[in-house]
Amino acid sequence: HRYGPHIFHTRAPVVWRYLSQFTE
């Protein structure tokens, strides 16, 4: 990660579902 660690976590199902369209 060029600008330091980016750790993905969320409690928002809408965010999870949205991004899951673009990545496994």
PDB file of all heavy atoms in Angstrom:
ATOM      1  N   HIS A   1       0.867  -1.174   0.000  1.00  0.00           N
ATOM      2  CA  HIS A   1       0.000   0.000   0.000  1.00  0.00           C
ATOM      3  C   HIS A   1       0.908   1.230   0.000  1.00  0.00           C
ATOM      4  O   HIS A   1       1.673   1.444   0.938  1.00  0.00           O
ATOM      5  CB  HIS A   1      -0.896   0.002   1.240  1.00  0.00           C
ATOM      6  CG  HIS A   1      -1.820  -1.177   1.301  1.00  0.00           C
ATOM      7  ND1 HIS A   1      -2.690  -1.393   2.345  1.00  0.00           N
ATOM      8  CD2 HIS A   1      -2.021  -2.199   0.428  1.00  0.00           C
ATOM      9  CE1 HIS A   1      -3.385  -2.491   2.122  1.00  0.00           C
ATOM     10  NE2 HIS A   1      -2.977  -3.002   0.967  1.00  0.00           N
ATOM     11  N   ARG A   2       0.807   2.009  -1.060  1.00  0.00           N
ATOM     12  CA  ARG A   2       1.767   3.098  -1.266  1.00  0.00           C
ATOM     13  C   ARG A   2       1.702   4.150  -0.166  1.00  0.00           C
ATOM     14  O   ARG A   2       2.704   4.779   0.166  1.00  0.00           O
ATOM     15  CB  ARG A   2       1.515   3.740  -2.629  1.00  0.00           C
ATOM     16  CG  ARG A   2       2.471   4.872  -2.970  1.00  0.00           C
ATOM     17  CD  ARG A   2       2.373   5.271  -4.421  1.00  0.00           C
ATOM     18  NE  ARG A   2       2.829   4.198  -5.301  1.00  0.00           N
ATOM     19  CZ  ARG A   2       2.937   4.315  -6.623  1.00  0.00           C
ATOM     20  NH1 ARG A   2       2.616   5.444  -7.220  1.00  0.00           N
ATOM     21  NH2 ARG A   2       3.341   3.299  -7.351  1.00  0.00           N
ATOM     22  N   TYR A   3       0.517   4.365   0.412  1.00  0.00           N
ATOM     23  CA  TYR A   3       0.348   5.442   1.389  1.00  0.00           C
ATOM     24  C   TYR A   3       0.025   4.894   2.780  1.00  0.00           C
ATOM     25  O   TYR A   3      -0.675   5.539   3.565  1.00  0.00           O
ATOM     26  CB  TYR A   3      -0.750   6.398   0.929  1.00  0.00           C
ATOM     27  CG  TYR A   3      -0.496   6.978  -0.444  1.00  0.00           C
ATOM     28  CD1 TYR A   3      -1.045   6.380  -1.577  1.00  0.00           C
ATOM     29  CD2 TYR A   3       0.316   8.094  -0.623  1.00  0.00           C
ATOM     30  CE1 TYR A   3      -0.816   6.894  -2.848  1.00  0.00           C
ATOM     31  CE2 TYR A   3       0.549   8.620  -1.883  1.00  0.00           C
ATOM     32  CZ  TYR A   3      -0.015   8.015  -2.992  1.00  0.00           C
ATOM     33  OH  TYR A   3       0.226   8.525  -4.256  1.00  0.00           O
ATOM     34  N   GLY A   4       0.535   3.724   3.081  1.00  0.00           N
ATOM     35  CA  GLY A   4       0.309   3.146   4.391  1.00  0.00           C
ATOM     36  C   GLY A   4      -0.842   2.157   4.395  1.00  0.00           C
ATOM     37  O   GLY A   4      -1.626   2.078   3.442  1.00  0.00           O
ATOM     38  N   PRO A   5      -0.949   1.349   5.448  1.00  0.00           N
ATOM     39  CA  PRO A   5      -1.905   0.240   5.468  1.00  0.00           C
ATOM     40  C   PRO A   5      -3.352   0.718   5.410  1.00  0.00           C
ATOM     41  O   PRO A   5      -3.761   1.625   6.137  1.00  0.00           O
ATOM     42  CB  PRO A   5      -1.611  -0.453   6.801  1.00  0.00           C
ATOM     43  CG  PRO A   5      -0.986   0.606   7.651  1.00  0.00           C
ATOM     44  CD  PRO A   5      -0.192   1.454   6.716  1.00  0.00           C
ATOM     45  N   HIS A   6      -4.114   0.083   4.545  1.00  0.00           N
ATOM     46  CA  HIS A   6      -5.546   0.340   4.433  1.00  0.00           C
ATOM     47  C   HIS A   6      -6.276  -0.976   4.724  1.00  0.00           C
ATOM     48  O   HIS A   6      -6.255  -1.898   3.912  1.00  0.00           O
ATOM     49  CB  HIS A   6      -5.896   0.891   3.055  1.00  0.00           C
ATOM     50  CG  HIS A   6      -5.583   2.350   2.925  1.00  0.00           C
ATOM     51  ND1 HIS A   6      -4.291   2.835   2.884  1.00  0.00           N
ATOM     52  CD2 HIS A   6      -6.398   3.429   2.865  1.00  0.00           C
ATOM     53  CE1 HIS A   6      -4.336   4.157   2.805  1.00  0.00           C
ATOM     54  NE2 HIS A   6      -5.599   4.533   2.792  1.00  0.00           N
ATOM     55  N   ILE A   7      -6.880  -1.043   5.885  1.00  0.00           N
ATOM     56  CA  ILE A   7      -7.521  -2.258   6.370  1.00  0.00           C
ATOM     57  C   ILE A   7      -9.029  -2.083   6.218  1.00  0.00           C
ATOM     58  O   ILE A   7      -9.615  -1.184   6.835  1.00  0.00           O
ATOM     59  CB  ILE A   7      -7.183  -2.518   7.850  1.00  0.00           C
ATOM     60  CG1 ILE A   7      -5.691  -2.271   8.138  1.00  0.00           C
ATOM     61  CG2 ILE A   7      -7.623  -3.902   8.254  1.00  0.00           C
ATOM     62  CD1 ILE A   7      -4.758  -3.126   7.356  1.00  0.00           C
ATOM     63  N   PHE A   8      -9.638  -2.919   5.403  1.00  0.00           N
ATOM     64  CA  PHE A   8     -11.069  -2.729   5.182  1.00  0.00           C
ATOM     65  C   PHE A   8     -11.890  -3.496   6.206  1.00  0.00           C
ATOM     66  O   PHE A   8     -11.719  -4.698   6.401  1.00  0.00           O
ATOM     67  CB  PHE A   8     -11.495  -3.173   3.778  1.00  0.00           C
ATOM     68  CG  PHE A   8     -12.926  -2.811   3.496  1.00  0.00           C
ATOM     69  CD1 PHE A   8     -13.250  -1.540   3.073  1.00  0.00           C
ATOM     70  CD2 PHE A   8     -13.942  -3.719   3.735  1.00  0.00           C
ATOM     71  CE1 PHE A   8     -14.574  -1.170   2.877  1.00  0.00           C
ATOM     72  CE2 PHE A   8     -15.271  -3.364   3.545  1.00  0.00           C
ATOM     73  CZ  PHE A   8     -15.581  -2.089   3.104  1.00  0.00           C
ATOM     74  N   HIS A   9     -12.821  -2.776   6.839  1.00  0.00           N
ATOM     75  CA  HIS A   9     -13.813  -3.384   7.715  1.00  0.00           C
ATOM     76  C   HIS A   9     -15.018  -2.450   7.747  1.00  0.00           C
ATOM     77  O   HIS A   9     -14.893  -1.240   7.567  1.00  0.00           O
ATOM     78  CB  HIS A   9     -13.261  -3.607   9.129  1.00  0.00           C
ATOM     79  CG  HIS A   9     -12.723  -2.369   9.778  1.00  0.00           C
ATOM     80  ND1 HIS A   9     -13.511  -1.494  10.493  1.00  0.00           N
ATOM     81  CD2 HIS A   9     -11.477  -1.859   9.804  1.00  0.00           C
ATOM     82  CE1 HIS A   9     -12.765  -0.499  10.944  1.00  0.00           C
ATOM     83  NE2 HIS A   9     -11.522  -0.679  10.536  1.00  0.00           N
ATOM     84  N   THR A  10     -16.181  -3.019   7.940  1.00  0.00           N
ATOM     85  CA  THR A  10     -17.388  -2.198   8.004  1.00  0.00           C
ATOM     86  C   THR A  10     -18.487  -2.934   8.743  1.00  0.00           C
ATOM     87  O   THR A  10     -18.524  -4.162   8.768  1.00  0.00           O
ATOM     88  CB  THR A  10     -17.868  -1.803   6.590  1.00  0.00           C
ATOM     89  OG1 THR A  10     -18.957  -0.874   6.706  1.00  0.00           O
ATOM     90  CG2 THR A  10     -18.345  -3.029   5.803  1.00  0.00           C
ATOM     91  N   ARG A  11     -19.376  -2.170   9.321  1.00  0.00           N
ATOM     92  CA  ARG A  11     -20.592  -2.748   9.907  1.00  0.00           C
ATOM     93  C   ARG A  11     -21.808  -2.420   9.049  1.00  0.00           C
ATOM     94  O   ARG A  11     -22.941  -2.705   9.449  1.00  0.00           O
ATOM     95  CB  ARG A  11     -20.796  -2.218  11.328  1.00  0.00           C
ATOM     96  CG  ARG A  11     -21.028  -0.715  11.423  1.00  0.00           C
ATOM     97  CD  ARG A  11     -21.101  -0.251  12.856  1.00  0.00           C
ATOM     98  NE  ARG A  11     -19.871  -0.508  13.555  1.00  0.00           N
ATOM     99  CZ  ARG A  11     -19.676  -0.284  14.838  1.00  0.00           C
ATOM    100  NH1 ARG A  11     -20.662   0.190  15.578  1.00  0.00           N
ATOM    101  NH2 ARG A  11     -18.519  -0.531  15.413  1.00  0.00           N
ATOM    102  N   ALA A  12     -21.579  -1.820   7.880  1.00  0.00           N
ATOM    103  CA  ALA A  12     -22.667  -1.383   7.008  1.00  0.00           C
ATOM    104  C   ALA A  12     -22.873  -2.377   5.872  1.00  0.00           C
ATOM    105  O   ALA A  12     -22.070  -2.422   4.932  1.00  0.00           O
ATOM    106  CB  ALA A  12     -22.358   0.002   6.445  1.00  0.00           C
ATOM    107  N   PRO A  13     -23.937  -3.180   5.913  1.00  0.00           N
ATOM    108  CA  PRO A  13     -24.175  -4.142   4.826  1.00  0.00           C
ATOM    109  C   PRO A  13     -24.274  -3.491   3.454  1.00  0.00           C
ATOM    110  O   PRO A  13     -23.849  -4.077   2.458  1.00  0.00           O
ATOM    111  CB  PRO A  13     -25.500  -4.807   5.225  1.00  0.00           C
ATOM    112  CG  PRO A  13     -25.585  -4.642   6.704  1.00  0.00           C
ATOM    113  CD  PRO A  13     -24.943  -3.316   6.983  1.00  0.00           C
ATOM    114  N   VAL A  14     -24.829  -2.269   3.387  1.00  0.00           N
ATOM    115  CA  VAL A  14     -24.975  -1.615   2.089  1.00  0.00           C
ATOM    116  C   VAL A  14     -23.627  -1.326   1.465  1.00  0.00           C
ATOM    117  O   VAL A  14     -23.443  -1.465   0.246  1.00  0.00           O
ATOM    118  CB  VAL A  14     -25.822  -0.324   2.211  1.00  0.00           C
ATOM    119  CG1 VAL A  14     -25.125   0.719   3.087  1.00  0.00           C
ATOM    120  CG2 VAL A  14     -26.135   0.260   0.836  1.00  0.00           C
ATOM    121  N   VAL A  15     -22.636  -0.951   2.278  1.00  0.00           N
ATOM    122  CA  VAL A  15     -21.285  -0.693   1.764  1.00  0.00           C
ATOM    123  C   VAL A  15     -20.641  -2.002   1.314  1.00  0.00           C
ATOM    124  O   VAL A  15     -20.022  -2.077   0.250  1.00  0.00           O
ATOM    125  CB  VAL A  15     -20.433   0.008   2.843  1.00  0.00           C
ATOM    126  CG1 VAL A  15     -18.964   0.063   2.425  1.00  0.00           C
ATOM    127  CG2 VAL A  15     -20.967   1.408   3.108  1.00  0.00           C
ATOM    128  N   TRP A  16     -20.803  -3.035   2.125  1.00  0.00           N
ATOM    129  CA  TRP A  16     -20.225  -4.347   1.794  1.00  0.00           C
ATOM    130  C   TRP A  16     -20.803  -4.881   0.484  1.00  0.00           C
ATOM    131  O   TRP A  16     -20.076  -5.330  -0.395  1.00  0.00           O
ATOM    132  CB  TRP A  16     -20.490  -5.315   2.938  1.00  0.00           C
ATOM    133  CG  TRP A  16     -19.985  -6.706   2.691  1.00  0.00           C
ATOM    134  CD1 TRP A  16     -20.723  -7.787   2.316  1.00  0.00           C
ATOM    135  CD2 TRP A  16     -18.634  -7.161   2.796  1.00  0.00           C
ATOM    136  NE1 TRP A  16     -19.923  -8.899   2.185  1.00  0.00           N
ATOM    137  CE2 TRP A  16     -18.638  -8.536   2.481  1.00  0.00           C
ATOM    138  CE3 TRP A  16     -17.440  -6.537   3.139  1.00  0.00           C
ATOM    139  CZ2 TRP A  16     -17.475  -9.291   2.491  1.00  0.00           C
ATOM    140  CZ3 TRP A  16     -16.283  -7.295   3.151  1.00  0.00           C
ATOM    141  CH2 TRP A  16     -16.312  -8.653   2.832  1.00  0.00           C
ATOM    142  N   ARG A  17     -22.131  -4.815   0.355  1.00  0.00           N
ATOM    143  CA  ARG A  17     -22.774  -5.326  -0.858  1.00  0.00           C
ATOM    144  C   ARG A  17     -22.349  -4.523  -2.086  1.00  0.00           C
ATOM    145  O   ARG A  17     -22.111  -5.093  -3.155  1.00  0.00           O
ATOM    146  CB  ARG A  17     -24.298  -5.284  -0.704  1.00  0.00           C
ATOM    147  CG  ARG A  17     -24.860  -6.322   0.254  1.00  0.00           C
ATOM    148  CD  ARG A  17     -26.359  -6.452   0.081  1.00  0.00           C
ATOM    149  NE  ARG A  17     -27.054  -5.194   0.359  1.00  0.00           N
ATOM    150  CZ  ARG A  17     -27.530  -4.857   1.552  1.00  0.00           C
ATOM    151  NH1 ARG A  17     -27.382  -5.673   2.584  1.00  0.00           N
ATOM    152  NH2 ARG A  17     -28.160  -3.707   1.719  1.00  0.00           N
ATOM    153  N   TYR A  18     -22.253  -3.225  -1.911  1.00  0.00           N
ATOM    154  CA  TYR A  18     -21.870  -2.386  -3.052  1.00  0.00           C
ATOM    155  C   TYR A  18     -20.467  -2.736  -3.543  1.00  0.00           C
ATOM    156  O   TYR A  18     -20.256  -3.014  -4.734  1.00  0.00           O
ATOM    157  CB  TYR A  18     -21.947  -0.903  -2.680  1.00  0.00           C
ATOM    158  CG  TYR A  18     -21.413  -0.017  -3.776  1.00  0.00           C
ATOM    159  CD1 TYR A  18     -22.169   0.220  -4.930  1.00  0.00           C
ATOM    160  CD2 TYR A  18     -20.151   0.554  -3.693  1.00  0.00           C
ATOM    161  CE1 TYR A  18     -21.675   0.998  -5.963  1.00  0.00           C
ATOM    162  CE2 TYR A  18     -19.649   1.335  -4.718  1.00  0.00           C
ATOM    163  CZ  TYR A  18     -20.415   1.555  -5.847  1.00  0.00           C
ATOM    164  OH  TYR A  18     -19.909   2.316  -6.873  1.00  0.00           O
ATOM    165  N   LEU A  19     -19.487  -2.749  -2.660  1.00  0.00           N
ATOM    166  CA  LEU A  19     -18.111  -3.011  -3.081  1.00  0.00           C
ATOM    167  C   LEU A  19     -17.926  -4.449  -3.558  1.00  0.00           C
ATOM    168  O   LEU A  19     -17.053  -4.724  -4.391  1.00  0.00           O
ATOM    169  CB  LEU A  19     -17.146  -2.708  -1.937  1.00  0.00           C
ATOM    170  CG  LEU A  19     -16.966  -1.228  -1.589  1.00  0.00           C
ATOM    171  CD1 LEU A  19     -15.981  -1.076  -0.434  1.00  0.00           C
ATOM    172  CD2 LEU A  19     -16.499  -0.416  -2.793  1.00  0.00           C
ATOM    173  N   SER A  20     -18.750  -5.362  -3.066  1.00  0.00           N
ATOM    174  CA  SER A  20     -18.633  -6.763  -3.482  1.00  0.00           C
ATOM    175  C   SER A  20     -18.979  -6.963  -4.955  1.00  0.00           C
ATOM    176  O   SER A  20     -18.677  -8.021  -5.522  1.00  0.00           O
ATOM    177  CB  SER A  20     -19.530  -7.647  -2.605  1.00  0.00           C
ATOM    178  OG  SER A  20     -19.068  -7.653  -1.265  1.00  0.00           O
ATOM    179  N   GLN A  21     -19.581  -5.961  -5.582  1.00  0.00           N
ATOM    180  CA  GLN A  21     -19.803  -6.027  -7.029  1.00  0.00           C
ATOM    181  C   GLN A  21     -18.499  -5.892  -7.810  1.00  0.00           C
ATOM    182  O   GLN A  21     -18.429  -6.271  -8.983  1.00  0.00           O
ATOM    183  CB  GLN A  21     -20.742  -4.903  -7.474  1.00  0.00           C
ATOM    184  CG  GLN A  21     -22.114  -4.902  -6.854  1.00  0.00           C
ATOM    185  CD  GLN A  21     -22.890  -3.671  -7.254  1.00  0.00           C
ATOM    186  OE1 GLN A  21     -23.442  -3.599  -8.357  1.00  0.00           O
ATOM    187  NE2 GLN A  21     -22.912  -2.680  -6.373  1.00  0.00           N
ATOM    188  N   PHE A  22     -17.462  -5.362  -7.155  1.00  0.00           N
ATOM    189  CA  PHE A  22     -16.239  -5.003  -7.859  1.00  0.00           C
ATOM    190  C   PHE A  22     -15.008  -5.758  -7.361  1.00  0.00           C
ATOM    191  O   PHE A  22     -13.900  -5.533  -7.855  1.00  0.00           O
ATOM    192  CB  PHE A  22     -16.002  -3.489  -7.744  1.00  0.00           C
ATOM    193  CG  PHE A  22     -17.198  -2.687  -8.158  1.00  0.00           C
ATOM    194  CD1 PHE A  22     -18.063  -2.158  -7.211  1.00  0.00           C
ATOM    195  CD2 PHE A  22     -17.486  -2.498  -9.508  1.00  0.00           C
ATOM    196  CE1 PHE A  22     -19.181  -1.431  -7.596  1.00  0.00           C
ATOM    197  CE2 PHE A  22     -18.604  -1.780  -9.896  1.00  0.00           C
ATOM    198  CZ  PHE A  22     -19.453  -1.247  -8.943  1.00  0.00           C
ATOM    199  N   THR A  23     -15.194  -6.613  -6.384  1.00  0.00           N
ATOM    200  CA  THR A  23     -14.058  -7.387  -5.897  1.00  0.00           C
ATOM    201  C   THR A  23     -14.548  -8.650  -5.206  1.00  0.00           C
ATOM    202  O   THR A  23     -15.662  -8.683  -4.674  1.00  0.00           O
ATOM    203  CB  THR A  23     -13.205  -6.576  -4.897  1.00  0.00           C
ATOM    204  OG1 THR A  23     -12.032  -7.319  -4.543  1.00  0.00           O
ATOM    205  CG2 THR A  23     -13.977  -6.253  -3.628  1.00  0.00           C
ATOM    206  N   GLU A  24     -13.722  -9.678  -5.242  1.00  0.00           N
ATOM    207  CA  GLU A  24     -13.872 -10.779  -4.304  1.00  0.00           C
ATOM    208  C   GLU A  24     -12.994 -10.457  -3.103  1.00  0.00           C
ATOM    209  O   GLU A  24     -12.109  -9.596  -3.167  1.00  0.00           O
ATOM    210  CB  GLU A  24     -13.468 -12.094  -4.969  1.00  0.00           C
ATOM    211  CG  GLU A  24     -14.402 -12.498  -6.103  1.00  0.00           C
ATOM    212  CD  GLU A  24     -14.045 -13.847  -6.703  1.00  0.00           C
ATOM    213  OE1 GLU A  24     -13.246 -14.575  -6.086  1.00  0.00           O
ATOM    214  OE2 GLU A  24     -14.567 -14.154  -7.793  1.00  0.00           O
TER     215      GLU A  24
END
